[in-house]
Amino acid sequence: MGTIKKEILAGILVSIFATVAGIFLYLEYFSSFGFYETLEMIKEGKLYGKVLSLAAIPNLFVFFVFIKKKQDYRARGVLITTILIAFVTLVLKFI
C-alpha cells in the first residue's frame, strides 16, 4: 500500500473517530436527558440524520488541523468521510 493511500486512510480513521466522539459528546453533555433516554428519543423521532450531521462538526476542526500541518492527504481522507456522512444524512432524511 502506498504512502498516499496510508495517509488518506489515516484521515478517514481520524474522521470516523471524531464523528463517534461528536455523537458521544452530544448524547452525554449537550442533551438535557440521560444517555440512553436520548438514544431512545432519537430512535422514536427518527432523528438519525440530524444527530449524525451534528456529530460531524468535529471533522471541521480535524480538517483544518491537517491543513494547517500541511498534511493534505489526511485532510483529503477527512473530506471523503465528511462527504460520505453528508450522503448518509441525505438518504436518512428520505427514509
PDB file of N, CA and C in Angstrom:
ATOM      1  N   MET A   1       0.857  -1.173   0.000  1.00  0.00           N
ATOM      2  CA  MET A   1       0.000   0.000   0.000  1.00  0.00           C
ATOM      3  C   MET A   1       0.897   1.227   0.000  1.00  0.00           C
ATOM      4  N   GLY A   2       0.599   2.167  -0.865  1.00  0.00           N
ATOM      5  CA  GLY A   2       1.428   3.353  -0.984  1.00  0.00           C
ATOM      6  C   GLY A   2       1.273   4.309   0.186  1.00  0.00           C
ATOM      7  N   THR A   3       2.221   5.186   0.291  1.00  0.00           N
ATOM      8  CA  THR A   3       2.217   6.169   1.367  1.00  0.00           C
ATOM      9  C   THR A   3       1.004   7.080   1.289  1.00  0.00           C
ATOM     10  N   ILE A   4       0.626   7.456   0.085  1.00  0.00           N
ATOM     11  CA  ILE A   4      -0.522   8.351  -0.083  1.00  0.00           C
ATOM     12  C   ILE A   4      -1.796   7.669   0.399  1.00  0.00           C
ATOM     13  N   LYS A   5      -1.969   6.407   0.051  1.00  0.00           N
ATOM     14  CA  LYS A   5      -3.159   5.675   0.477  1.00  0.00           C
ATOM     15  C   LYS A   5      -3.202   5.530   1.993  1.00  0.00           C
ATOM     16  N   LYS A   6      -2.041   5.335   2.616  1.00  0.00           N
ATOM     17  CA  LYS A   6      -1.987   5.225   4.074  1.00  0.00           C
ATOM     18  C   LYS A   6      -2.374   6.548   4.729  1.00  0.00           C
ATOM     19  N   GLU A   7      -1.926   7.650   4.148  1.00  0.00           N
ATOM     20  CA  GLU A   7      -2.256   8.966   4.694  1.00  0.00           C
ATOM     21  C   GLU A   7      -3.752   9.251   4.567  1.00  0.00           C
ATOM     22  N   ILE A   8      -4.335   8.911   3.432  1.00  0.00           N
ATOM     23  CA  ILE A   8      -5.783   9.104   3.245  1.00  0.00           C
ATOM     24  C   ILE A   8      -6.552   8.215   4.211  1.00  0.00           C
ATOM     25  N   LEU A   9      -6.129   6.970   4.367  1.00  0.00           N
ATOM     26  CA  LEU A   9      -6.772   6.051   5.304  1.00  0.00           C
ATOM     27  C   LEU A   9      -6.667   6.577   6.738  1.00  0.00           C
ATOM     28  N   ALA A  10      -5.526   7.135   7.090  1.00  0.00           N
ATOM     29  CA  ALA A  10      -5.362   7.713   8.428  1.00  0.00           C
ATOM     30  C   ALA A  10      -6.350   8.860   8.628  1.00  0.00           C
ATOM     31  N   GLY A  11      -6.537   9.688   7.607  1.00  0.00           N
ATOM     32  CA  GLY A  11      -7.508  10.781   7.690  1.00  0.00           C
ATOM     33  C   GLY A  11      -8.927  10.263   7.845  1.00  0.00           C
ATOM     34  N   ILE A  12      -9.252   9.205   7.130  1.00  0.00           N
ATOM     35  CA  ILE A  12     -10.584   8.613   7.224  1.00  0.00           C
ATOM     36  C   ILE A  12     -10.817   8.065   8.636  1.00  0.00           C
ATOM     37  N   LEU A  13      -9.834   7.364   9.175  1.00  0.00           N
ATOM     38  CA  LEU A  13      -9.978   6.790  10.512  1.00  0.00           C
ATOM     39  C   LEU A  13     -10.098   7.867  11.584  1.00  0.00           C
ATOM     40  N   VAL A  14      -9.297   8.922  11.476  1.00  0.00           N
ATOM     41  CA  VAL A  14      -9.388  10.028  12.429  1.00  0.00           C
ATOM     42  C   VAL A  14     -10.755  10.692  12.324  1.00  0.00           C
ATOM     43  N   SER A  15     -11.251  10.830  11.120  1.00  0.00           N
ATOM     44  CA  SER A  15     -12.558  11.447  10.907  1.00  0.00           C
ATOM     45  C   SER A  15     -13.685  10.602  11.501  1.00  0.00           C
ATOM     46  N   ILE A  16     -13.610   9.309  11.322  1.00  0.00           N
ATOM     47  CA  ILE A  16     -14.626   8.422  11.910  1.00  0.00           C
ATOM     48  C   ILE A  16     -14.577   8.516  13.432  1.00  0.00           C
ATOM     49  N   PHE A  17     -13.372   8.528  13.989  1.00  0.00           N
ATOM     50  CA  PHE A  17     -13.229   8.670  15.440  1.00  0.00           C
ATOM     51  C   PHE A  17     -13.807  10.008  15.914  1.00  0.00           C
ATOM     52  N   ALA A  18     -13.534  11.087  15.174  1.00  0.00           N
ATOM     53  CA  ALA A  18     -14.058  12.405  15.552  1.00  0.00           C
ATOM     54  C   ALA A  18     -15.581  12.429  15.489  1.00  0.00           C
ATOM     55  N   THR A  19     -16.163  11.751  14.512  1.00  0.00           N
ATOM     56  CA  THR A  19     -17.620  11.693  14.400  1.00  0.00           C
ATOM     57  C   THR A  19     -18.219  10.902  15.554  1.00  0.00           C
ATOM     58  N   VAL A  20     -17.630   9.777  15.885  1.00  0.00           N
ATOM     59  CA  VAL A  20     -18.112   8.980  17.016  1.00  0.00           C
ATOM     60  C   VAL A  20     -17.972   9.779  18.316  1.00  0.00           C
ATOM     61  N   ALA A  21     -16.867  10.480  18.458  1.00  0.00           N
ATOM     62  CA  ALA A  21     -16.677  11.326  19.640  1.00  0.00           C
ATOM     63  C   ALA A  21     -17.714  12.445  19.668  1.00  0.00           C
ATOM     64  N   GLY A  22     -18.054  12.994  18.505  1.00  0.00           N
ATOM     65  CA  GLY A  22     -19.081  14.026  18.430  1.00  0.00           C
ATOM     66  C   GLY A  22     -20.443  13.500  18.850  1.00  0.00           C
ATOM     67  N   ILE A  23     -20.780  12.290  18.428  1.00  0.00           N
ATOM     68  CA  ILE A  23     -22.048  11.679  18.840  1.00  0.00           C
ATOM     69  C   ILE A  23     -22.062  11.484  20.356  1.00  0.00           C
ATOM     70  N   PHE A  24     -20.958  10.963  20.882  1.00  0.00           N
ATOM     71  CA  PHE A  24     -20.882  10.732  22.322  1.00  0.00           C
ATOM     72  C   PHE A  24     -20.997  12.049  23.097  1.00  0.00           C
ATOM     73  N   LEU A  25     -20.268  13.076  22.657  1.00  0.00           N
ATOM     74  CA  LEU A  25     -20.332  14.370  23.345  1.00  0.00           C
ATOM     75  C   LEU A  25     -21.741  14.941  23.319  1.00  0.00           C
ATOM     76  N   TYR A  26     -22.404  14.825  22.175  1.00  0.00           N
ATOM     77  CA  TYR A  26     -23.774  15.327  22.081  1.00  0.00           C
ATOM     78  C   TYR A  26     -24.692  14.578  23.038  1.00  0.00           C
ATOM     79  N   LEU A  27     -24.610  13.258  23.012  1.00  0.00           N
ATOM     80  CA  LEU A  27     -25.504  12.453  23.842  1.00  0.00           C
ATOM     81  C   LEU A  27     -25.224  12.621  25.333  1.00  0.00           C
ATOM     82  N   GLU A  28     -23.965  12.758  25.679  1.00  0.00           N
ATOM     83  CA  GLU A  28     -23.588  12.785  27.088  1.00  0.00           C
ATOM     84  C   GLU A  28     -23.673  14.175  27.708  1.00  0.00           C
ATOM     85  N   TYR A  29     -23.259  15.206  26.979  1.00  0.00           N
ATOM     86  CA  TYR A  29     -23.103  16.520  27.603  1.00  0.00           C
ATOM     87  C   TYR A  29     -24.074  17.587  27.118  1.00  0.00           C
ATOM     88  N   PHE A  30     -24.523  17.516  25.882  1.00  0.00           N
ATOM     89  CA  PHE A  30     -25.374  18.580  25.360  1.00  0.00           C
ATOM     90  C   PHE A  30     -26.860  18.264  25.440  1.00  0.00           C
ATOM     91  N   SER A  31     -27.187  17.031  25.679  1.00  0.00           N
ATOM     92  CA  SER A  31     -28.583  16.651  25.834  1.00  0.00           C
ATOM     93  C   SER A  31     -28.967  16.813  27.297  1.00  0.00           C
ATOM     94  N   SER A  32     -30.166  17.312  27.533  1.00  0.00           N
ATOM     95  CA  SER A  32     -30.605  17.518  28.919  1.00  0.00           C
ATOM     96  C   SER A  32     -31.142  16.219  29.535  1.00  0.00           C
ATOM     97  N   PHE A  33     -31.207  15.165  28.749  1.00  0.00           N
ATOM     98  CA  PHE A  33     -31.660  13.868  29.237  1.00  0.00           C
ATOM     99  C   PHE A  33     -30.464  12.948  29.401  1.00  0.00           C
ATOM    100  N   GLY A  34     -30.676  11.778  29.946  1.00  0.00           N
ATOM    101  CA  GLY A  34     -29.615  10.795  30.103  1.00  0.00           C
ATOM    102  C   GLY A  34     -29.192  10.217  28.758  1.00  0.00           C
ATOM    103  N   PHE A  35     -28.084   9.502  28.763  1.00  0.00           N
ATOM    104  CA  PHE A  35     -27.513   8.933  27.550  1.00  0.00           C
ATOM    105  C   PHE A  35     -28.506   8.013  26.852  1.00  0.00           C
ATOM    106  N   TYR A  36     -29.046   7.054  27.589  1.00  0.00           N
ATOM    107  CA  TYR A  36     -29.949   6.072  26.978  1.00  0.00           C
ATOM    108  C   TYR A  36     -31.312   6.678  26.663  1.00  0.00           C
ATOM    109  N   GLU A  37     -31.759   7.638  27.469  1.00  0.00           N
ATOM    110  CA  GLU A  37     -33.025   8.325  27.170  1.00  0.00           C
ATOM    111  C   GLU A  37     -32.908   9.095  25.855  1.00  0.00           C
ATOM    112  N   THR A  38     -31.778   9.741  25.665  1.00  0.00           N
ATOM    113  CA  THR A  38     -31.562  10.494  24.430  1.00  0.00           C
ATOM    114  C   THR A  38     -31.513   9.554  23.232  1.00  0.00           C
ATOM    115  N   LEU A  39     -30.847   8.417  23.387  1.00  0.00           N
ATOM    116  CA  LEU A  39     -30.824   7.436  22.294  1.00  0.00           C
ATOM    117  C   LEU A  39     -32.232   6.985  21.937  1.00  0.00           C
ATOM    118  N   GLU A  40     -33.050   6.753  22.948  1.00  0.00           N
ATOM    119  CA  GLU A  40     -34.433   6.322  22.709  1.00  0.00           C
ATOM    120  C   GLU A  40     -35.232   7.423  22.005  1.00  0.00           C
ATOM    121  N   MET A  41     -35.022   8.666  22.401  1.00  0.00           N
ATOM    122  CA  MET A  41     -35.730   9.786  21.768  1.00  0.00           C
ATOM    123  C   MET A  41     -35.311   9.941  20.303  1.00  0.00           C
ATOM    124  N   ILE A  42     -34.038   9.742  20.019  1.00  0.00           N
ATOM    125  CA  ILE A  42     -33.548   9.811  18.641  1.00  0.00           C
ATOM    126  C   ILE A  42     -34.194   8.704  17.814  1.00  0.00           C
ATOM    127  N   LYS A  43     -34.279   7.519  18.402  1.00  0.00           N
ATOM    128  CA  LYS A  43     -34.881   6.375  17.712  1.00  0.00           C
ATOM    129  C   LYS A  43     -36.364   6.621  17.441  1.00  0.00           C
ATOM    130  N   GLU A  44     -37.091   7.096  18.453  1.00  0.00           N
ATOM    131  CA  GLU A  44     -38.533   7.337  18.296  1.00  0.00           C
ATOM    132  C   GLU A  44     -38.818   8.461  17.308  1.00  0.00           C
ATOM    133  N   GLY A  45     -38.008   9.517  17.347  1.00  0.00           N
ATOM    134  CA  GLY A  45     -38.239  10.659  16.478  1.00  0.00           C
ATOM    135  C   GLY A  45     -37.594  10.529  15.115  1.00  0.00           C
ATOM    136  N   LYS A  46     -36.895   9.411  14.896  1.00  0.00           N
ATOM    137  CA  LYS A  46     -36.169   9.181  13.641  1.00  0.00           C
ATOM    138  C   LYS A  46     -35.273  10.372  13.308  1.00  0.00           C
ATOM    139  N   LEU A  47     -34.464  10.754  14.267  1.00  0.00           N
ATOM    140  CA  LEU A  47     -33.588  11.912  14.140  1.00  0.00           C
ATOM    141  C   LEU A  47     -32.143  11.527  13.834  1.00  0.00           C
ATOM    142  N   TYR A  48     -31.949  10.359  13.254  1.00  0.00           N
ATOM    143  CA  TYR A  48     -30.605   9.869  12.992  1.00  0.00           C
ATOM    144  C   TYR A  48     -29.793  10.841  12.135  1.00  0.00           C
ATOM    145  N   GLY A  49     -30.390  11.325  11.074  1.00  0.00           N
ATOM    146  CA  GLY A  49     -29.688  12.218  10.156  1.00  0.00           C
ATOM    147  C   GLY A  49     -29.271  13.514  10.815  1.00  0.00           C
ATOM    148  N   LYS A  50     -30.149  14.079  11.625  1.00  0.00           N
ATOM    149  CA  LYS A  50     -29.832  15.341  12.297  1.00  0.00           C
ATOM    150  C   LYS A  50     -28.706  15.161  13.298  1.00  0.00           C
ATOM    151  N   VAL A  51     -28.762  14.095  14.065  1.00  0.00           N
ATOM    152  CA  VAL A  51     -27.711  13.841  15.051  1.00  0.00           C
ATOM    153  C   VAL A  51     -26.395  13.540  14.348  1.00  0.00           C
ATOM    154  N   LEU A  52     -26.447  12.789  13.266  1.00  0.00           N
ATOM    155  CA  LEU A  52     -25.234  12.466  12.523  1.00  0.00           C
ATOM    156  C   LEU A  52     -24.594  13.713  11.934  1.00  0.00           C
ATOM    157  N   SER A  53     -25.406  14.628  11.425  1.00  0.00           N
ATOM    158  CA  SER A  53     -24.837  15.852  10.870  1.00  0.00           C
ATOM    159  C   SER A  53     -24.238  16.728  11.968  1.00  0.00           C
ATOM    160  N   LEU A  54     -24.849  16.758  13.145  1.00  0.00           N
ATOM    161  CA  LEU A  54     -24.252  17.482  14.269  1.00  0.00           C
ATOM    162  C   LEU A  54     -22.957  16.817  14.727  1.00  0.00           C
ATOM    163  N   ALA A  55     -22.941  15.512  14.698  1.00  0.00           N
ATOM    164  CA  ALA A  55     -21.766  14.774  15.154  1.00  0.00           C
ATOM    165  C   ALA A  55     -20.580  14.948  14.211  1.00  0.00           C
ATOM    166  N   ALA A  56     -20.836  15.348  12.983  1.00  0.00           N
ATOM    167  CA  ALA A  56     -19.757  15.523  12.013  1.00  0.00           C
ATOM    168  C   ALA A  56     -19.039  16.867  12.173  1.00  0.00           C
ATOM    169  N   ILE A  57     -19.524  17.734  13.030  1.00  0.00           N
ATOM    170  CA  ILE A  57     -18.897  19.044  13.221  1.00  0.00           C
ATOM    171  C   ILE A  57     -17.428  18.940  13.648  1.00  0.00           C
ATOM    172  N   PRO A  58     -17.065  18.012  14.533  1.00  0.00           N
ATOM    173  CA  PRO A  58     -15.632  17.905  14.874  1.00  0.00           C
ATOM    174  C   PRO A  58     -14.730  17.631  13.670  1.00  0.00           C
ATOM    175  N   ASN A  59     -15.285  17.082  12.595  1.00  0.00           N
ATOM    176  CA  ASN A  59     -14.493  16.861  11.386  1.00  0.00           C
ATOM    177  C   ASN A  59     -13.963  18.174  10.827  1.00  0.00           C
ATOM    178  N   LEU A  60     -14.709  19.230  11.004  1.00  0.00           N
ATOM    179  CA  LEU A  60     -14.273  20.544  10.540  1.00  0.00           C
ATOM    180  C   LEU A  60     -12.970  20.940  11.220  1.00  0.00           C
ATOM    181  N   PHE A  61     -12.908  20.756  12.521  1.00  0.00           N
ATOM    182  CA  PHE A  61     -11.698  21.102  13.262  1.00  0.00           C
ATOM    183  C   PHE A  61     -10.531  20.200  12.874  1.00  0.00           C
ATOM    184  N   VAL A  62     -10.806  18.895  12.725  1.00  0.00           N
ATOM    185  CA  VAL A  62      -9.759  17.950  12.326  1.00  0.00           C
ATOM    186  C   VAL A  62      -9.225  18.319  10.938  1.00  0.00           C
ATOM    187  N   PHE A  63     -10.126  18.661  10.032  1.00  0.00           N
ATOM    188  CA  PHE A  63      -9.742  19.044   8.672  1.00  0.00           C
ATOM    189  C   PHE A  63      -8.789  20.238   8.695  1.00  0.00           C
ATOM    190  N   PHE A  64      -9.139  21.277   9.456  1.00  0.00           N
ATOM    191  CA  PHE A  64      -8.296  22.463   9.485  1.00  0.00           C
ATOM    192  C   PHE A  64      -6.964  22.225  10.194  1.00  0.00           C
ATOM    193  N   VAL A  65      -6.939  21.326  11.166  1.00  0.00           N
ATOM    194  CA  VAL A  65      -5.666  20.971  11.806  1.00  0.00           C
ATOM    195  C   VAL A  65      -4.745  20.301  10.791  1.00  0.00           C
ATOM    196  N   PHE A  66      -5.287  19.377  10.008  1.00  0.00           N
ATOM    197  CA  PHE A  66      -4.477  18.711   8.991  1.00  0.00           C
ATOM    198  C   PHE A  66      -4.007  19.691   7.920  1.00  0.00           C
ATOM    199  N   ILE A  67      -4.860  20.617   7.519  1.00  0.00           N
ATOM    200  CA  ILE A  67      -4.460  21.621   6.531  1.00  0.00           C
ATOM    201  C   ILE A  67      -3.345  22.493   7.104  1.00  0.00           C
ATOM    202  N   LYS A  68      -3.505  22.928   8.343  1.00  0.00           N
ATOM    203  CA  LYS A  68      -2.510  23.790   8.988  1.00  0.00           C
ATOM    204  C   LYS A  68      -1.160  23.084   9.107  1.00  0.00           C
ATOM    205  N   LYS A  69      -1.188  21.767   9.371  1.00  0.00           N
ATOM    206  CA  LYS A  69       0.048  20.993   9.499  1.00  0.00           C
ATOM    207  C   LYS A  69       0.585  20.529   8.141  1.00  0.00           C
ATOM    208  N   LYS A  70      -0.041  20.964   7.074  1.00  0.00           N
ATOM    209  CA  LYS A  70       0.348  20.595   5.709  1.00  0.00           C
ATOM    210  C   LYS A  70       0.267  19.088   5.458  1.00  0.00           C
ATOM    211  N   GLN A  71      -0.736  18.453   6.074  1.00  0.00           N
ATOM    212  CA  GLN A  71      -0.991  17.029   5.856  1.00  0.00           C
ATOM    213  C   GLN A  71      -2.222  16.915   4.948  1.00  0.00           C
ATOM    214  N   ASP A  72      -2.004  17.266   3.702  1.00  0.00           N
ATOM    215  CA  ASP A  72      -3.105  17.385   2.747  1.00  0.00           C
ATOM    216  C   ASP A  72      -3.817  16.069   2.471  1.00  0.00           C
ATOM    217  N   TYR A  73      -3.092  14.967   2.439  1.00  0.00           N
ATOM    218  CA  TYR A  73      -3.737  13.692   2.148  1.00  0.00           C
ATOM    219  C   TYR A  73      -4.612  13.221   3.309  1.00  0.00           C
ATOM    220  N   ARG A  74      -4.188  13.500   4.525  1.00  0.00           N
ATOM    221  CA  ARG A  74      -5.050  13.192   5.673  1.00  0.00           C
ATOM    222  C   ARG A  74      -6.290  14.078   5.648  1.00  0.00           C
ATOM    223  N   ALA A  75      -6.118  15.341   5.287  1.00  0.00           N
ATOM    224  CA  ALA A  75      -7.265  16.244   5.158  1.00  0.00           C
ATOM    225  C   ALA A  75      -8.208  15.731   4.074  1.00  0.00           C
ATOM    226  N   ARG A  76      -7.658  15.168   3.028  1.00  0.00           N
ATOM    227  CA  ARG A  76      -8.477  14.594   1.962  1.00  0.00           C
ATOM    228  C   ARG A  76      -9.301  13.416   2.493  1.00  0.00           C
ATOM    229  N   GLY A  77      -8.713  12.604   3.359  1.00  0.00           N
ATOM    230  CA  GLY A  77      -9.442  11.496   3.977  1.00  0.00           C
ATOM    231  C   GLY A  77     -10.601  11.994   4.830  1.00  0.00           C
ATOM    232  N   VAL A  78     -10.368  13.079   5.578  1.00  0.00           N
ATOM    233  CA  VAL A  78     -11.437  13.683   6.383  1.00  0.00           C
ATOM    234  C   VAL A  78     -12.543  14.190   5.473  1.00  0.00           C
ATOM    235  N   LEU A  79     -12.174  14.807   4.378  1.00  0.00           N
ATOM    236  CA  LEU A  79     -13.161  15.325   3.429  1.00  0.00           C
ATOM    237  C   LEU A  79     -13.985  14.197   2.813  1.00  0.00           C
ATOM    238  N   ILE A  80     -13.349  13.100   2.475  1.00  0.00           N
ATOM    239  CA  ILE A  80     -14.061  11.945   1.911  1.00  0.00           C
ATOM    240  C   ILE A  80     -15.097  11.428   2.904  1.00  0.00           C
ATOM    241  N   THR A  81     -14.686  11.293   4.152  1.00  0.00           N
ATOM    242  CA  THR A  81     -15.611  10.799   5.184  1.00  0.00           C
ATOM    243  C   THR A  81     -16.755  11.776   5.403  1.00  0.00           C
ATOM    244  N   THR A  82     -16.453  13.062   5.414  1.00  0.00           N
ATOM    245  CA  THR A  82     -17.492  14.070   5.630  1.00  0.00           C
ATOM    246  C   THR A  82     -18.500  14.072   4.486  1.00  0.00           C
ATOM    247  N   ILE A  83     -18.036  13.901   3.275  1.00  0.00           N
ATOM    248  CA  ILE A  83     -18.951  13.811   2.129  1.00  0.00           C
ATOM    249  C   ILE A  83     -19.815  12.557   2.252  1.00  0.00           C
ATOM    250  N   LEU A  84     -19.227  11.462   2.686  1.00  0.00           N
ATOM    251  CA  LEU A  84     -19.985  10.223   2.893  1.00  0.00           C
ATOM    252  C   LEU A  84     -21.047  10.416   3.978  1.00  0.00           C
ATOM    253  N   ILE A  85     -20.692  11.108   5.055  1.00  0.00           N
ATOM    254  CA  ILE A  85     -21.656  11.388   6.130  1.00  0.00           C
ATOM    255  C   ILE A  85     -22.793  12.270   5.606  1.00  0.00           C
ATOM    256  N   ALA A  86     -22.457  13.252   4.775  1.00  0.00           N
ATOM    257  CA  ALA A  86     -23.491  14.109   4.194  1.00  0.00           C
ATOM    258  C   ALA A  86     -24.438  13.291   3.316  1.00  0.00           C
ATOM    259  N   PHE A  87     -23.902  12.353   2.553  1.00  0.00           N
ATOM    260  CA  PHE A  87     -24.727  11.497   1.703  1.00  0.00           C
ATOM    261  C   PHE A  87     -25.641  10.609   2.546  1.00  0.00           C
ATOM    262  N   VAL A  88     -25.086  10.022   3.617  1.00  0.00           N
ATOM    263  CA  VAL A  88     -25.895   9.176   4.509  1.00  0.00           C
ATOM    264  C   VAL A  88     -26.999  10.006   5.159  1.00  0.00           C
ATOM    265  N   THR A  89     -26.665  11.229   5.558  1.00  0.00           N
ATOM    266  CA  THR A  89     -27.665  12.123   6.154  1.00  0.00           C
ATOM    267  C   THR A  89     -28.786  12.410   5.150  1.00  0.00           C
ATOM    268  N   LEU A  90     -28.436  12.621   3.906  1.00  0.00           N
ATOM    269  CA  LEU A  90     -29.432  12.866   2.855  1.00  0.00           C
ATOM    270  C   LEU A  90     -30.338  11.652   2.672  1.00  0.00           C
ATOM    271  N   VAL A  91     -29.748  10.470   2.650  1.00  0.00           N
ATOM    272  CA  VAL A  91     -30.521   9.243   2.496  1.00  0.00           C
ATOM    273  C   VAL A  91     -31.451   9.052   3.699  1.00  0.00           C
ATOM    274  N   LEU A  92     -30.943   9.286   4.900  1.00  0.00           N
ATOM    275  CA  LEU A  92     -31.747   9.123   6.100  1.00  0.00           C
ATOM    276  C   LEU A  92     -32.916  10.115   6.153  1.00  0.00           C
ATOM    277  N   LYS A  93     -32.744  11.253   5.535  1.00  0.00           N
ATOM    278  CA  LYS A  93     -33.810  12.252   5.518  1.00  0.00           C
ATOM    279  C   LYS A  93     -35.026  11.758   4.742  1.00  0.00           C
ATOM    280  N   PHE A  94     -34.791  10.942   3.726  1.00  0.00           N
ATOM    281  CA  PHE A  94     -35.890  10.482   2.890  1.00  0.00           C
ATOM    282  C   PHE A  94     -36.400   9.091   3.254  1.00  0.00           C
ATOM    283  N   ILE A  95     -35.848   8.489   4.288  1.00  0.00           N
ATOM    284  CA  ILE A  95     -36.323   7.163   4.733  1.00  0.00           C
ATOM    285  C   ILE A  95     -37.380   7.346   5.790  1.00  0.00           C
TER     286      ILE A  95
END
